[in-house]
PDB file of N, CA and C in Angstrom:
ATOM      1  N   MET A   1       0.834  -1.064  -0.184  1.00  0.00           N
ATOM      2  CA  MET A   1       0.018  -0.003  -0.197  1.00  0.00           C
ATOM      3  C   MET A   1       1.110   1.581   0.069  1.00  0.00           C
ATOM      4  N   GLU A   2       0.936   1.899  -0.785  1.00  0.00           N
ATOM      5  CA  GLU A   2       1.401   2.955  -0.909  1.00  0.00           C
ATOM      6  C   GLU A   2       0.517   4.370  -0.412  1.00  0.00           C
ATOM      7  N   MET A   3       1.602   4.637  -0.154  1.00  0.00           N
ATOM      8  CA  MET A   3       1.123   6.164   1.015  1.00  0.00           C
ATOM      9  C   MET A   3       0.336   7.361   0.361  1.00  0.00           C
ATOM     10  N   GLN A   4      -0.766   8.032   0.184  1.00  0.00           N
ATOM     11  CA  GLN A   4      -1.149   8.887  -0.431  1.00  0.00           C
ATOM     12  C   GLN A   4      -0.396  10.355  -0.346  1.00  0.00           C
ATOM     13  N   ARG A   5      -0.359  10.912  -1.398  1.00  0.00           N
ATOM     14  CA  ARG A   5       0.315  11.912  -1.134  1.00  0.00           C
ATOM     15  C   ARG A   5      -0.768  13.449  -1.624  1.00  0.00           C
ATOM     16  N   GLY A   6      -0.807  14.015  -0.766  1.00  0.00           N
ATOM     17  CA  GLY A   6      -1.655  15.539  -0.545  1.00  0.00           C
ATOM     18  C   GLY A   6      -0.923  16.729   0.512  1.00  0.00           C
ATOM     19  N   PRO A   7      -2.184  18.157   0.278  1.00  0.00           N
ATOM     20  CA  PRO A   7      -1.443  18.875   1.325  1.00  0.00           C
ATOM     21  C   PRO A   7      -1.623  18.380   2.697  1.00  0.00           C
ATOM     22  N   LEU A   8      -2.545  17.474   3.170  1.00  0.00           N
ATOM     23  CA  LEU A   8      -2.381  16.978   4.682  1.00  0.00           C
ATOM     24  C   LEU A   8      -1.099  15.836   4.969  1.00  0.00           C
ATOM     25  N   THR A   9      -0.910  15.253   4.287  1.00  0.00           N
ATOM     26  CA  THR A   9       0.370  14.339   4.732  1.00  0.00           C
ATOM     27  C   THR A   9       1.554  15.397   4.292  1.00  0.00           C
ATOM     28  N   GLN A  10       1.551  16.148   3.769  1.00  0.00           N
ATOM     29  CA  GLN A  10       2.839  17.363   3.966  1.00  0.00           C
ATOM     30  C   GLN A  10       2.740  17.966   5.235  1.00  0.00           C
ATOM     31  N   HIS A  11       1.657  18.385   5.237  1.00  0.00           N
ATOM     32  CA  HIS A  11       1.129  19.069   6.539  1.00  0.00           C
ATOM     33  C   HIS A  11       2.060  18.239   8.038  1.00  0.00           C
ATOM     34  N   PHE A  12       1.310  16.500   7.521  1.00  0.00           N
ATOM     35  CA  PHE A  12       1.968  16.251   8.929  1.00  0.00           C
ATOM     36  C   PHE A  12       3.186  15.567   8.794  1.00  0.00           C
ATOM     37  N   LEU A  13       4.018  15.669   7.324  1.00  0.00           N
ATOM     38  CA  LEU A  13       5.625  15.466   8.018  1.00  0.00           C
ATOM     39  C   LEU A  13       6.086  16.632   8.035  1.00  0.00           C
ATOM     40  N   ASN A  14       5.580  17.605   8.141  1.00  0.00           N
ATOM     41  CA  ASN A  14       6.068  19.069   8.208  1.00  0.00           C
ATOM     42  C   ASN A  14       6.302  19.380   9.650  1.00  0.00           C
ATOM     43  N   THR A  15       4.939  19.131  10.593  1.00  0.00           N
ATOM     44  CA  THR A  15       5.004  18.705  12.030  1.00  0.00           C
ATOM     45  C   THR A  15       6.040  17.585  12.542  1.00  0.00           C
ATOM     46  N   LEU A  16       5.946  16.781  12.036  1.00  0.00           N
ATOM     47  CA  LEU A  16       6.825  16.036  12.760  1.00  0.00           C
ATOM     48  C   LEU A  16       8.132  16.331  12.604  1.00  0.00           C
ATOM     49  N   GLU A  17       8.860  16.707  11.517  1.00  0.00           N
ATOM     50  CA  GLU A  17       9.865  17.547  11.142  1.00  0.00           C
ATOM     51  C   GLU A  17      10.296  18.549  12.143  1.00  0.00           C
ATOM     52  N   TYR A  18       9.110  19.269  12.457  1.00  0.00           N
ATOM     53  CA  TYR A  18       9.350  20.420  13.368  1.00  0.00           C
ATOM     54  C   TYR A  18       9.666  19.755  14.914  1.00  0.00           C
ATOM     55  N   VAL A  19       8.524  18.944  15.309  1.00  0.00           N
ATOM     56  CA  VAL A  19       8.535  18.402  16.438  1.00  0.00           C
ATOM     57  C   VAL A  19       9.919  17.858  16.847  1.00  0.00           C
ATOM     58  N   PHE A  20      10.430  16.824  16.043  1.00  0.00           N
ATOM     59  CA  PHE A  20      11.599  16.473  16.414  1.00  0.00           C
ATOM     60  C   PHE A  20      12.687  17.044  16.526  1.00  0.00           C
ATOM     61  N   ILE A  21      12.866  17.954  15.563  1.00  0.00           N
ATOM     62  CA  ILE A  21      13.921  19.435  15.888  1.00  0.00           C
ATOM     63  C   ILE A  21      13.973  19.660  16.989  1.00  0.00           C
ATOM     64  N   LEU A  22      13.024  20.141  17.387  1.00  0.00           N
ATOM     65  CA  LEU A  22      13.009  20.990  18.937  1.00  0.00           C
ATOM     66  C   LEU A  22      13.019  19.844  20.106  1.00  0.00           C
ATOM     67  N   TYR A  23      13.025  18.692  19.680  1.00  0.00           N
ATOM     68  CA  TYR A  23      12.971  17.571  20.776  1.00  0.00           C
ATOM     69  C   TYR A  23      14.397  17.295  20.705  1.00  0.00           C
ATOM     70  N   PHE A  24      15.050  17.128  19.601  1.00  0.00           N
ATOM     71  CA  PHE A  24      16.498  16.453  19.402  1.00  0.00           C
ATOM     72  C   PHE A  24      17.647  17.651  19.710  1.00  0.00           C
ATOM     73  N   ILE A  25      17.435  18.954  19.611  1.00  0.00           N
ATOM     74  CA  ILE A  25      18.315  20.281  19.549  1.00  0.00           C
ATOM     75  C   ILE A  25      18.898  19.995  21.064  1.00  0.00           C
ATOM     76  N   HIS A  26      18.018  19.135  21.788  1.00  0.00           N
ATOM     77  CA  HIS A  26      18.294  19.214  23.750  1.00  0.00           C
ATOM     78  C   HIS A  26      18.581  20.733  24.110  1.00  0.00           C
ATOM     79  N   ALA A  27      17.488  21.413  24.568  1.00  0.00           N
ATOM     80  CA  ALA A  27      17.284  22.969  24.703  1.00  0.00           C
ATOM     81  C   ALA A  27      18.171  23.236  26.274  1.00  0.00           C
ATOM     82  N   ASP A  28      18.028  21.976  27.094  1.00  0.00           N
ATOM     83  CA  ASP A  28      18.267  22.075  28.353  1.00  0.00           C
ATOM     84  C   ASP A  28      20.292  22.133  28.167  1.00  0.00           C
ATOM     85  N   LYS A  29      20.644  21.031  27.123  1.00  0.00           N
ATOM     86  CA  LYS A  29      22.196  21.259  27.730  1.00  0.00           C
ATOM     87  C   LYS A  29      22.612  22.941  26.597  1.00  0.00           C
ATOM     88  N   LEU A  30      21.604  23.046  25.372  1.00  0.00           N
ATOM     89  CA  LEU A  30      21.900  23.834  24.474  1.00  0.00           C
ATOM     90  C   LEU A  30      22.032  25.615  25.327  1.00  0.00           C
ATOM     91  N   ARG A  31      20.869  25.847  26.000  1.00  0.00           N
ATOM     92  CA  ARG A  31      20.533  26.862  26.346  1.00  0.00           C
ATOM     93  C   ARG A  31      21.977  27.492  27.790  1.00  0.00           C
ATOM     94  N   PRO A  32      22.261  26.717  28.277  1.00  0.00           N
ATOM     95  CA  PRO A  32      23.422  27.057  29.156  1.00  0.00           C
ATOM     96  C   PRO A  32      24.645  27.595  28.550  1.00  0.00           C
ATOM     97  N   VAL A  33      24.656  26.941  27.042  1.00  0.00           N
ATOM     98  CA  VAL A  33      25.970  27.318  26.493  1.00  0.00           C
ATOM     99  C   VAL A  33      25.729  28.640  25.616  1.00  0.00           C
ATOM    100  N   LEU A  34      24.735  28.733  24.934  1.00  0.00           N
ATOM    101  CA  LEU A  34      24.419  29.954  24.337  1.00  0.00           C
ATOM    102  C   LEU A  34      23.998  31.247  24.979  1.00  0.00           C
ATOM    103  N   LYS A  35      23.474  31.134  25.935  1.00  0.00           N
ATOM    104  CA  LYS A  35      22.977  32.405  26.826  1.00  0.00           C
ATOM    105  C   LYS A  35      23.961  33.022  27.004  1.00  0.00           C
ATOM    106  N   PRO A  36      25.025  32.561  27.737  1.00  0.00           N
ATOM    107  CA  PRO A  36      26.201  33.995  28.151  1.00  0.00           C
ATOM    108  C   PRO A  36      26.761  34.528  26.586  1.00  0.00           C
ATOM    109  N   LEU A  37      27.130  33.639  25.264  1.00  0.00           N
ATOM    110  CA  LEU A  37      27.170  34.234  24.116  1.00  0.00           C
ATOM    111  C   LEU A  37      25.970  35.164  23.181  1.00  0.00           C
ATOM    112  N   TYR A  38      25.062  35.277  23.918  1.00  0.00           N
ATOM    113  CA  TYR A  38      23.806  35.925  23.257  1.00  0.00           C
ATOM    114  C   TYR A  38      23.371  35.382  22.361  1.00  0.00           C
ATOM    115  N   LEU A  39      23.347  34.245  21.885  1.00  0.00           N
ATOM    116  CA  LEU A  39      23.065  33.316  20.421  1.00  0.00           C
ATOM    117  C   LEU A  39      21.793  32.476  20.818  1.00  0.00           C
ATOM    118  N   TRP A  40      21.317  32.519  22.213  1.00  0.00           N
ATOM    119  CA  TRP A  40      19.577  31.757  22.520  1.00  0.00           C
ATOM    120  C   TRP A  40      18.938  32.304  21.840  1.00  0.00           C
ATOM    121  N   ASN A  41      19.028  33.569  22.023  1.00  0.00           N
ATOM    122  CA  ASN A  41      17.763  34.620  21.514  1.00  0.00           C
ATOM    123  C   ASN A  41      17.657  33.894  19.344  1.00  0.00           C
ATOM    124  N   SER A  42      18.885  34.005  19.289  1.00  0.00           N
ATOM    125  CA  SER A  42      18.722  33.415  17.615  1.00  0.00           C
ATOM    126  C   SER A  42      18.019  32.233  17.179  1.00  0.00           C
ATOM    127  N   ILE A  43      18.381  31.124  18.527  1.00  0.00           N
ATOM    128  CA  ILE A  43      18.082  29.711  18.099  1.00  0.00           C
ATOM    129  C   ILE A  43      16.035  29.690  18.029  1.00  0.00           C
ATOM    130  N   TRP A  44      15.983  30.361  19.812  1.00  0.00           N
ATOM    131  CA  TRP A  44      14.551  30.501  19.451  1.00  0.00           C
ATOM    132  C   TRP A  44      13.628  31.087  18.867  1.00  0.00           C
ATOM    133  N   ILE A  45      14.149  32.368  18.174  1.00  0.00           N
ATOM    134  CA  ILE A  45      13.361  33.302  17.277  1.00  0.00           C
ATOM    135  C   ILE A  45      13.616  32.142  15.661  1.00  0.00           C
ATOM    136  N   ALA A  46      14.527  31.518  15.746  1.00  0.00           N
ATOM    137  CA  ALA A  46      14.211  30.663  14.223  1.00  0.00           C
ATOM    138  C   ALA A  46      13.467  29.433  14.626  1.00  0.00           C
ATOM    139  N   MET A  47      13.347  28.688  15.895  1.00  0.00           N
ATOM    140  CA  MET A  47      12.542  27.730  15.947  1.00  0.00           C
ATOM    141  C   MET A  47      10.966  28.221  15.915  1.00  0.00           C
ATOM    142  N   PHE A  48      11.004  29.593  16.028  1.00  0.00           N
ATOM    143  CA  PHE A  48       9.587  29.925  16.580  1.00  0.00           C
ATOM    144  C   PHE A  48       8.914  30.591  15.252  1.00  0.00           C
ATOM    145  N   GLY A  49      10.123  31.163  13.935  1.00  0.00           N
ATOM    146  CA  GLY A  49       9.631  31.653  12.966  1.00  0.00           C
ATOM    147  C   GLY A  49       9.145  29.791  11.847  1.00  0.00           C
ATOM    148  N   PHE A  50      10.294  29.291  12.140  1.00  0.00           N
ATOM    149  CA  PHE A  50      10.155  28.058  11.562  1.00  0.00           C
ATOM    150  C   PHE A  50       8.994  27.255  11.960  1.00  0.00           C
ATOM    151  N   GLY A  51       8.371  27.510  13.463  1.00  0.00           N
ATOM    152  CA  GLY A  51       7.194  26.856  13.777  1.00  0.00           C
ATOM    153  C   GLY A  51       5.381  27.560  13.509  1.00  0.00           C
ATOM    154  N   LEU A  52       6.112  28.935  13.011  1.00  0.00           N
ATOM    155  CA  LEU A  52       4.752  29.955  12.482  1.00  0.00           C
ATOM    156  C   LEU A  52       4.502  29.442  11.289  1.00  0.00           C
ATOM    157  N   VAL A  53       5.744  29.347  10.506  1.00  0.00           N
ATOM    158  CA  VAL A  53       5.079  29.075   8.892  1.00  0.00           C
ATOM    159  C   VAL A  53       4.715  27.668   8.744  1.00  0.00           C
ATOM    160  N   VAL A  54       5.169  26.817   9.520  1.00  0.00           N
ATOM    161  CA  VAL A  54       4.109  25.351   9.599  1.00  0.00           C
ATOM    162  C   VAL A  54       3.533  25.562   9.994  1.00  0.00           C
ATOM    163  N   PHE A  55       3.060  26.193  11.080  1.00  0.00           N
ATOM    164  CA  PHE A  55       1.584  26.393  11.690  1.00  0.00           C
ATOM    165  C   PHE A  55       0.432  27.427  10.763  1.00  0.00           C
ATOM    166  N   VAL A  56       0.985  28.334   9.927  1.00  0.00           N
ATOM    167  CA  VAL A  56      -0.273  29.239   9.449  1.00  0.00           C
ATOM    168  C   VAL A  56      -0.294  28.301   7.903  1.00  0.00           C
ATOM    169  N   ARG A  57       0.684  27.797   7.621  1.00  0.00           N
ATOM    170  CA  ARG A  57       0.106  26.611   6.397  1.00  0.00           C
ATOM    171  C   ARG A  57      -1.072  26.082   6.932  1.00  0.00           C
ATOM    172  N   ILE A  58      -0.767  25.350   7.688  1.00  0.00           N
ATOM    173  CA  ILE A  58      -1.954  24.619   8.453  1.00  0.00           C
ATOM    174  C   ILE A  58      -3.089  25.030   8.437  1.00  0.00           C
ATOM    175  N   LEU A  59      -3.325  26.415   9.088  1.00  0.00           N
ATOM    176  CA  LEU A  59      -4.326  27.108   9.732  1.00  0.00           C
ATOM    177  C   LEU A  59      -5.083  27.886   8.436  1.00  0.00           C
ATOM    178  N   THR A  60      -4.561  28.070   7.113  1.00  0.00           N
ATOM    179  CA  THR A  60      -5.004  28.491   6.229  1.00  0.00           C
ATOM    180  C   THR A  60      -5.461  27.661   5.548  1.00  0.00           C
ATOM    181  N   ASP A  61      -5.194  26.113   5.186  1.00  0.00           N
ATOM    182  CA  ASP A  61      -5.419  25.050   4.954  1.00  0.00           C
ATOM    183  C   ASP A  61      -6.734  24.636   5.682  1.00  0.00           C
ATOM    184  N   TRP A  62      -6.908  24.702   7.106  1.00  0.00           N
ATOM    185  CA  TRP A  62      -7.982  24.343   7.705  1.00  0.00           C
ATOM    186  C   TRP A  62      -8.918  25.441   7.696  1.00  0.00           C
ATOM    187  N   GLN A  63      -9.129  27.010   7.289  1.00  0.00           N
ATOM    188  CA  GLN A  63      -9.920  27.269   7.280  1.00  0.00           C
ATOM    189  C   GLN A  63     -10.290  27.478   5.836  1.00  0.00           C
ATOM    190  N   LEU A  64      -9.608  26.814   5.081  1.00  0.00           N
ATOM    191  CA  LEU A  64     -10.472  26.673   3.401  1.00  0.00           C
ATOM    192  C   LEU A  64     -11.269  25.568   3.466  1.00  0.00           C
ATOM    193  N   LEU A  65     -10.869  24.493   4.874  1.00  0.00           N
ATOM    194  CA  LEU A  65     -11.299  23.266   4.798  1.00  0.00           C
ATOM    195  C   LEU A  65     -13.256  23.481   5.404  1.00  0.00           C
ATOM    196  N   ARG A  66     -12.817  24.184   6.142  1.00  0.00           N
ATOM    197  CA  ARG A  66     -14.269  24.653   6.912  1.00  0.00           C
ATOM    198  C   ARG A  66     -14.964  25.731   6.053  1.00  0.00           C
ATOM    199  N   GLY A  67     -14.910  26.070   4.712  1.00  0.00           N
ATOM    200  CA  GLY A  67     -15.190  26.750   4.103  1.00  0.00           C
ATOM    201  C   GLY A  67     -15.193  28.485   4.354  1.00  0.00           C
ATOM    202  N   ARG A  68     -14.298  28.817   4.630  1.00  0.00           N
ATOM    203  CA  ARG A  68     -13.897  30.118   4.938  1.00  0.00           C
ATOM    204  C   ARG A  68     -12.293  30.694   4.360  1.00  0.00           C
ATOM    205  N   PRO A  69     -12.323  30.778   2.896  1.00  0.00           N
ATOM    206  CA  PRO A  69     -11.100  31.001   2.022  1.00  0.00           C
ATOM    207  C   PRO A  69     -10.542  32.239   2.116  1.00  0.00           C
ATOM    208  N   GLY A  70     -11.230  33.285   2.964  1.00  0.00           N
ATOM    209  CA  GLY A  70     -10.707  34.769   3.148  1.00  0.00           C
ATOM    210  C   GLY A  70      -9.169  34.343   3.670  1.00  0.00           C
ATOM    211  N   LEU A  71      -8.489  33.967   4.404  1.00  0.00           N
ATOM    212  CA  LEU A  71      -7.166  33.509   4.857  1.00  0.00           C
ATOM    213  C   LEU A  71      -6.479  32.814   3.708  1.00  0.00           C
ATOM    214  N   TRP A  72      -6.817  32.042   3.220  1.00  0.00           N
ATOM    215  CA  TRP A  72      -6.383  31.127   2.334  1.00  0.00           C
ATOM    216  C   TRP A  72      -5.924  32.500   0.810  1.00  0.00           C
ATOM    217  N   ARG A  73      -6.550  33.292   0.697  1.00  0.00           N
ATOM    218  CA  ARG A  73      -6.827  33.725  -0.736  1.00  0.00           C
ATOM    219  C   ARG A  73      -5.879  35.136  -0.130  1.00  0.00           C
ATOM    220  N   HIS A  74      -5.887  35.538   1.077  1.00  0.00           N
ATOM    221  CA  HIS A  74      -5.036  36.592   2.068  1.00  0.00           C
ATOM    222  C   HIS A  74      -3.494  36.197   1.753  1.00  0.00           C
ATOM    223  N   PHE A  75      -3.154  35.235   1.905  1.00  0.00           N
ATOM    224  CA  PHE A  75      -1.859  34.367   1.791  1.00  0.00           C
ATOM    225  C   PHE A  75      -1.166  34.116   0.727  1.00  0.00           C
ATOM    226  N   TYR A  76      -2.055  33.111   0.183  1.00  0.00           N
ATOM    227  CA  TYR A  76      -1.786  32.711  -1.130  1.00  0.00           C
ATOM    228  C   TYR A  76      -2.581  33.198  -2.516  1.00  0.00           C
ATOM    229  N   GLY A  77      -3.195  34.326  -2.875  1.00  0.00           N
ATOM    230  CA  GLY A  77      -3.429  35.191  -3.816  1.00  0.00           C
ATOM    231  C   GLY A  77      -4.863  34.804  -4.147  1.00  0.00           C
ATOM    232  N   ASP A  78      -5.530  35.609  -5.138  1.00  0.00           N
ATOM    233  CA  ASP A  78      -6.981  35.595  -5.161  1.00  0.00           C
ATOM    234  C   ASP A  78      -6.959  34.424  -6.299  1.00  0.00           C
ATOM    235  N   VAL A  79      -7.363  33.132  -6.156  1.00  0.00           N
ATOM    236  CA  VAL A  79      -7.527  32.453  -7.188  1.00  0.00           C
ATOM    237  C   VAL A  79      -9.027  31.991  -7.679  1.00  0.00           C
ATOM    238  N   ASP A  80      -9.416  31.500  -8.477  1.00  0.00           N
ATOM    239  CA  ASP A  80     -11.049  30.921  -8.878  1.00  0.00           C
ATOM    240  C   ASP A  80     -11.645  29.966  -7.961  1.00  0.00           C
ATOM    241  N   ASP A  81     -12.603  30.016  -7.891  1.00  0.00           N
ATOM    242  CA  ASP A  81     -13.673  29.006  -6.771  1.00  0.00           C
ATOM    243  C   ASP A  81     -13.348  27.669  -7.267  1.00  0.00           C
ATOM    244  N   SER A  82     -13.034  27.086  -8.731  1.00  0.00           N
ATOM    245  CA  SER A  82     -12.636  25.909  -9.265  1.00  0.00           C
ATOM    246  C   SER A  82     -11.524  25.495  -8.553  1.00  0.00           C
ATOM    247  N   PHE A  83     -10.569  26.025  -8.135  1.00  0.00           N
ATOM    248  CA  PHE A  83      -8.955  25.737  -7.697  1.00  0.00           C
ATOM    249  C   PHE A  83      -8.895  25.241  -6.418  1.00  0.00           C
ATOM    250  N   LEU A  84     -10.083  26.459  -5.860  1.00  0.00           N
ATOM    251  CA  LEU A  84     -10.346  25.911  -4.575  1.00  0.00           C
ATOM    252  C   LEU A  84     -10.639  24.758  -3.992  1.00  0.00           C
ATOM    253  N   GLU A  85     -11.981  24.286  -4.817  1.00  0.00           N
ATOM    254  CA  GLU A  85     -12.607  23.295  -4.905  1.00  0.00           C
ATOM    255  C   GLU A  85     -11.539  22.098  -4.812  1.00  0.00           C
ATOM    256  N   GLN A  86     -11.022  22.427  -5.801  1.00  0.00           N
ATOM    257  CA  GLN A  86      -9.839  21.146  -6.372  1.00  0.00           C
ATOM    258  C   GLN A  86      -8.972  20.760  -5.095  1.00  0.00           C
ATOM    259  N   TYR A  87      -8.404  21.901  -4.528  1.00  0.00           N
ATOM    260  CA  TYR A  87      -7.397  21.442  -3.047  1.00  0.00           C
ATOM    261  C   TYR A  87      -8.384  21.323  -2.040  1.00  0.00           C
ATOM    262  N   ARG A  88      -9.678  21.460  -1.732  1.00  0.00           N
ATOM    263  CA  ARG A  88     -10.471  21.290  -0.807  1.00  0.00           C
ATOM    264  C   ARG A  88     -10.537  19.912  -0.757  1.00  0.00           C
ATOM    265  N   ARG A  89     -10.754  19.513  -2.152  1.00  0.00           N
ATOM    266  CA  ARG A  89     -10.932  17.891  -2.394  1.00  0.00           C
ATOM    267  C   ARG A  89      -9.623  17.259  -2.063  1.00  0.00           C
ATOM    268  N   MET A  90      -8.324  17.778  -2.041  1.00  0.00           N
ATOM    269  CA  MET A  90      -7.252  17.075  -2.155  1.00  0.00           C
ATOM    270  C   MET A  90      -7.173  17.344  -0.471  1.00  0.00           C
ATOM    271  N   LEU A  91      -7.246  17.903   0.101  1.00  0.00           N
ATOM    272  CA  LEU A  91      -7.164  18.231   1.835  1.00  0.00           C
ATOM    273  C   LEU A  91      -8.065  16.934   2.128  1.00  0.00           C
ATOM    274  N   THR A  92      -8.614  16.626   1.427  1.00  0.00           N
ATOM    275  CA  THR A  92      -9.735  14.729   2.094  1.00  0.00           C
ATOM    276  C   THR A  92      -9.408  13.860   1.082  1.00  0.00           C
ATOM    277  N   TYR A  93      -8.441  14.009   0.421  1.00  0.00           N
ATOM    278  CA  TYR A  93      -8.015  12.833  -0.432  1.00  0.00           C
ATOM    279  C   TYR A  93      -9.218  12.208  -1.564  1.00  0.00           C
ATOM    280  N   GLU A  94      -9.584  13.228  -1.781  1.00  0.00           N
ATOM    281  CA  GLU A  94     -10.752  12.388  -2.852  1.00  0.00           C
ATOM    282  C   GLU A  94     -10.311  12.546  -4.134  1.00  0.00           C
ATOM    283  N   HIS A  95      -8.670  13.058  -4.114  1.00  0.00           N
ATOM    284  CA  HIS A  95      -8.370  12.477  -5.693  1.00  0.00           C
ATOM    285  C   HIS A  95      -7.450  11.156  -5.714  1.00  0.00           C
ATOM    286  N   GLY A  96      -7.541  10.447  -4.439  1.00  0.00           N
ATOM    287  CA  GLY A  96      -6.961   9.502  -4.707  1.00  0.00           C
ATOM    288  C   GLY A  96      -8.366   7.797  -4.367  1.00  0.00           C
ATOM    289  N   GLU A  97      -7.526   7.117  -3.894  1.00  0.00           N
ATOM    290  CA  GLU A  97      -8.523   5.869  -4.354  1.00  0.00           C
ATOM    291  C   GLU A  97      -9.318   5.674  -2.744  1.00  0.00           C
ATOM    292  N   THR A  98      -8.889   6.394  -1.981  1.00  0.00           N
ATOM    293  CA  THR A  98      -9.790   6.285  -0.636  1.00  0.00           C
ATOM    294  C   THR A  98     -10.125   7.740  -0.236  1.00  0.00           C
ATOM    295  N   SER A  99     -10.726   8.115   0.485  1.00  0.00           N
ATOM    296  CA  SER A  99     -10.939   9.636   0.901  1.00  0.00           C
ATOM    297  C   SER A  99     -11.094   9.185   2.556  1.00  0.00           C
ATOM    298  N   VAL A 100     -11.036  10.449   2.968  1.00  0.00           N
ATOM    299  CA  VAL A 100     -11.341  10.633   4.725  1.00  0.00           C
ATOM    300  C   VAL A 100     -12.800  11.659   4.440  1.00  0.00           C
ATOM    301  N   THR A 101     -13.033  11.807   6.148  1.00  0.00           N
ATOM    302  CA  THR A 101     -13.912  12.871   6.573  1.00  0.00           C
ATOM    303  C   THR A 101     -13.132  14.020   6.164  1.00  0.00           C
ATOM    304  N   THR A 102     -14.647  15.243   5.923  1.00  0.00           N
ATOM    305  CA  THR A 102     -14.063  16.856   6.455  1.00  0.00           C
ATOM    306  C   THR A 102     -13.315  16.684   7.807  1.00  0.00           C
ATOM    307  N   GLY A 103     -14.456  16.025   8.544  1.00  0.00           N
ATOM    308  CA  GLY A 103     -14.115  16.030   9.916  1.00  0.00           C
ATOM    309  C   GLY A 103     -12.787  15.414  10.331  1.00  0.00           C
ATOM    310  N   PHE A 104     -12.636  14.535  10.314  1.00  0.00           N
ATOM    311  CA  PHE A 104     -11.198  14.143  10.115  1.00  0.00           C
ATOM    312  C   PHE A 104     -10.129  14.756   9.513  1.00  0.00           C
ATOM    313  N   SER A 105     -10.318  15.367   8.560  1.00  0.00           N
ATOM    314  CA  SER A 105      -9.332  16.182   8.049  1.00  0.00           C
ATOM    315  C   SER A 105      -8.720  17.385   8.917  1.00  0.00           C
ATOM    316  N   SER A 106     -10.084  18.167   9.288  1.00  0.00           N
ATOM    317  CA  SER A 106      -9.927  19.127  10.351  1.00  0.00           C
ATOM    318  C   SER A 106      -9.474  18.515  11.633  1.00  0.00           C
ATOM    319  N   GLY A 107      -9.651  17.706  12.186  1.00  0.00           N
ATOM    320  CA  GLY A 107      -9.580  17.313  13.469  1.00  0.00           C
ATOM    321  C   GLY A 107      -7.961  16.884  13.230  1.00  0.00           C
ATOM    322  N   THR A 108      -7.507  16.333  12.328  1.00  0.00           N
ATOM    323  CA  THR A 108      -5.949  15.964  12.115  1.00  0.00           C
ATOM    324  C   THR A 108      -5.239  17.429  12.421  1.00  0.00           C
ATOM    325  N   MET A 109      -6.046  18.468  11.637  1.00  0.00           N
ATOM    326  CA  MET A 109      -5.071  19.864  11.476  1.00  0.00           C
ATOM    327  C   MET A 109      -4.999  20.275  12.606  1.00  0.00           C
ATOM    328  N   LEU A 110      -5.887  20.125  13.414  1.00  0.00           N
ATOM    329  CA  LEU A 110      -6.440  20.887  14.848  1.00  0.00           C
ATOM    330  C   LEU A 110      -5.596  20.374  15.782  1.00  0.00           C
ATOM    331  N   LEU A 111      -5.321  19.021  16.048  1.00  0.00           N
ATOM    332  CA  LEU A 111      -4.133  18.321  16.698  1.00  0.00           C
ATOM    333  C   LEU A 111      -2.793  18.554  15.782  1.00  0.00           C
ATOM    334  N   MET A 112      -2.354  18.562  14.566  1.00  0.00           N
ATOM    335  CA  MET A 112      -0.597  19.165  14.265  1.00  0.00           C
ATOM    336  C   MET A 112      -0.916  20.560  14.835  1.00  0.00           C
ATOM    337  N   MET A 113      -1.582  21.467  14.813  1.00  0.00           N
ATOM    338  CA  MET A 113      -1.342  22.842  15.155  1.00  0.00           C
ATOM    339  C   MET A 113      -1.278  22.928  16.486  1.00  0.00           C
ATOM    340  N   THR A 114      -2.343  21.728  17.631  1.00  0.00           N
ATOM    341  CA  THR A 114      -1.721  21.701  18.504  1.00  0.00           C
ATOM    342  C   THR A 114      -0.346  21.337  19.326  1.00  0.00           C
ATOM    343  N   ALA A 115       0.245  20.195  18.325  1.00  0.00           N
ATOM    344  CA  ALA A 115       1.302  19.846  18.679  1.00  0.00           C
ATOM    345  C   ALA A 115       2.688  20.855  18.190  1.00  0.00           C
ATOM    346  N   ILE A 116       2.279  21.398  16.961  1.00  0.00           N
ATOM    347  CA  ILE A 116       3.404  22.604  16.836  1.00  0.00           C
ATOM    348  C   ILE A 116       3.124  23.757  17.969  1.00  0.00           C
ATOM    349  N   VAL A 117       2.165  24.355  18.734  1.00  0.00           N
ATOM    350  CA  VAL A 117       2.189  24.920  19.692  1.00  0.00           C
ATOM    351  C   VAL A 117       2.922  24.612  21.129  1.00  0.00           C
ATOM    352  N   VAL A 118       2.280  23.496  21.438  1.00  0.00           N
ATOM    353  CA  VAL A 118       3.207  22.637  22.799  1.00  0.00           C
ATOM    354  C   VAL A 118       4.824  22.189  22.593  1.00  0.00           C
ATOM    355  N   SER A 119       5.128  21.827  21.550  1.00  0.00           N
ATOM    356  CA  SER A 119       6.388  21.490  21.380  1.00  0.00           C
ATOM    357  C   SER A 119       7.062  22.832  21.705  1.00  0.00           C
ATOM    358  N   PHE A 120       6.616  24.016  20.957  1.00  0.00           N
ATOM    359  CA  PHE A 120       7.655  25.270  21.356  1.00  0.00           C
ATOM    360  C   PHE A 120       7.493  25.490  22.857  1.00  0.00           C
ATOM    361  N   VAL A 121       6.232  25.291  23.316  1.00  0.00           N
ATOM    362  CA  VAL A 121       6.053  26.060  25.005  1.00  0.00           C
ATOM    363  C   VAL A 121       6.848  25.233  25.758  1.00  0.00           C
ATOM    364  N   TRP A 122       7.173  23.739  25.375  1.00  0.00           N
ATOM    365  CA  TRP A 122       8.246  22.643  25.798  1.00  0.00           C
ATOM    366  C   TRP A 122       9.428  23.045  25.803  1.00  0.00           C
ATOM    367  N   PHE A 123      10.138  23.527  24.554  1.00  0.00           N
ATOM    368  CA  PHE A 123      11.091  23.625  24.074  1.00  0.00           C
ATOM    369  C   PHE A 123      11.656  25.204  24.938  1.00  0.00           C
ATOM    370  N   MET A 124      10.759  26.363  24.865  1.00  0.00           N
ATOM    371  CA  MET A 124      11.356  27.492  25.354  1.00  0.00           C
ATOM    372  C   MET A 124      11.123  27.443  26.937  1.00  0.00           C
ATOM    373  N   PHE A 125       9.973  26.613  27.587  1.00  0.00           N
ATOM    374  CA  PHE A 125       9.959  26.697  29.233  1.00  0.00           C
ATOM    375  C   PHE A 125      10.071  25.628  29.839  1.00  0.00           C
ATOM    376  N   LEU A 126      10.154  24.330  29.636  1.00  0.00           N
ATOM    377  CA  LEU A 126      10.214  23.318  30.175  1.00  0.00           C
ATOM    378  C   LEU A 126      11.328  22.547  30.236  1.00  0.00           C
ATOM    379  N   ALA A 127      11.966  22.843  28.845  1.00  0.00           N
ATOM    380  CA  ALA A 127      13.437  21.654  28.454  1.00  0.00           C
ATOM    381  C   ALA A 127      14.377  22.201  29.419  1.00  0.00           C
TER     382      ALA A 127
END
């Protein structure tokens, strides 16, 4: 069985990559070394920026899936409704052999956005 490709798969892989990077940086060991050199701010700002990009991409697709394409159009430009409908179908894998419900896709995106926020808070304050 081959893994289906689509925006939801890409969001999942980006979220996984972000969480693994934050986990394997070992903030508890890195912070004491970089703080005296004033480099810790650069690390957390870069991690915040990377997380924000992943978060906003998921958020815009989530809004599109929920029937509110305004944010998606604001970030990606004005496109015709047929393109948005086709992209919405890709979010639920209707272009492939099997599809998932809109609720499943929406819940998955909410879970991924929560994982991004929780992992950044853990990285900054708890690790």
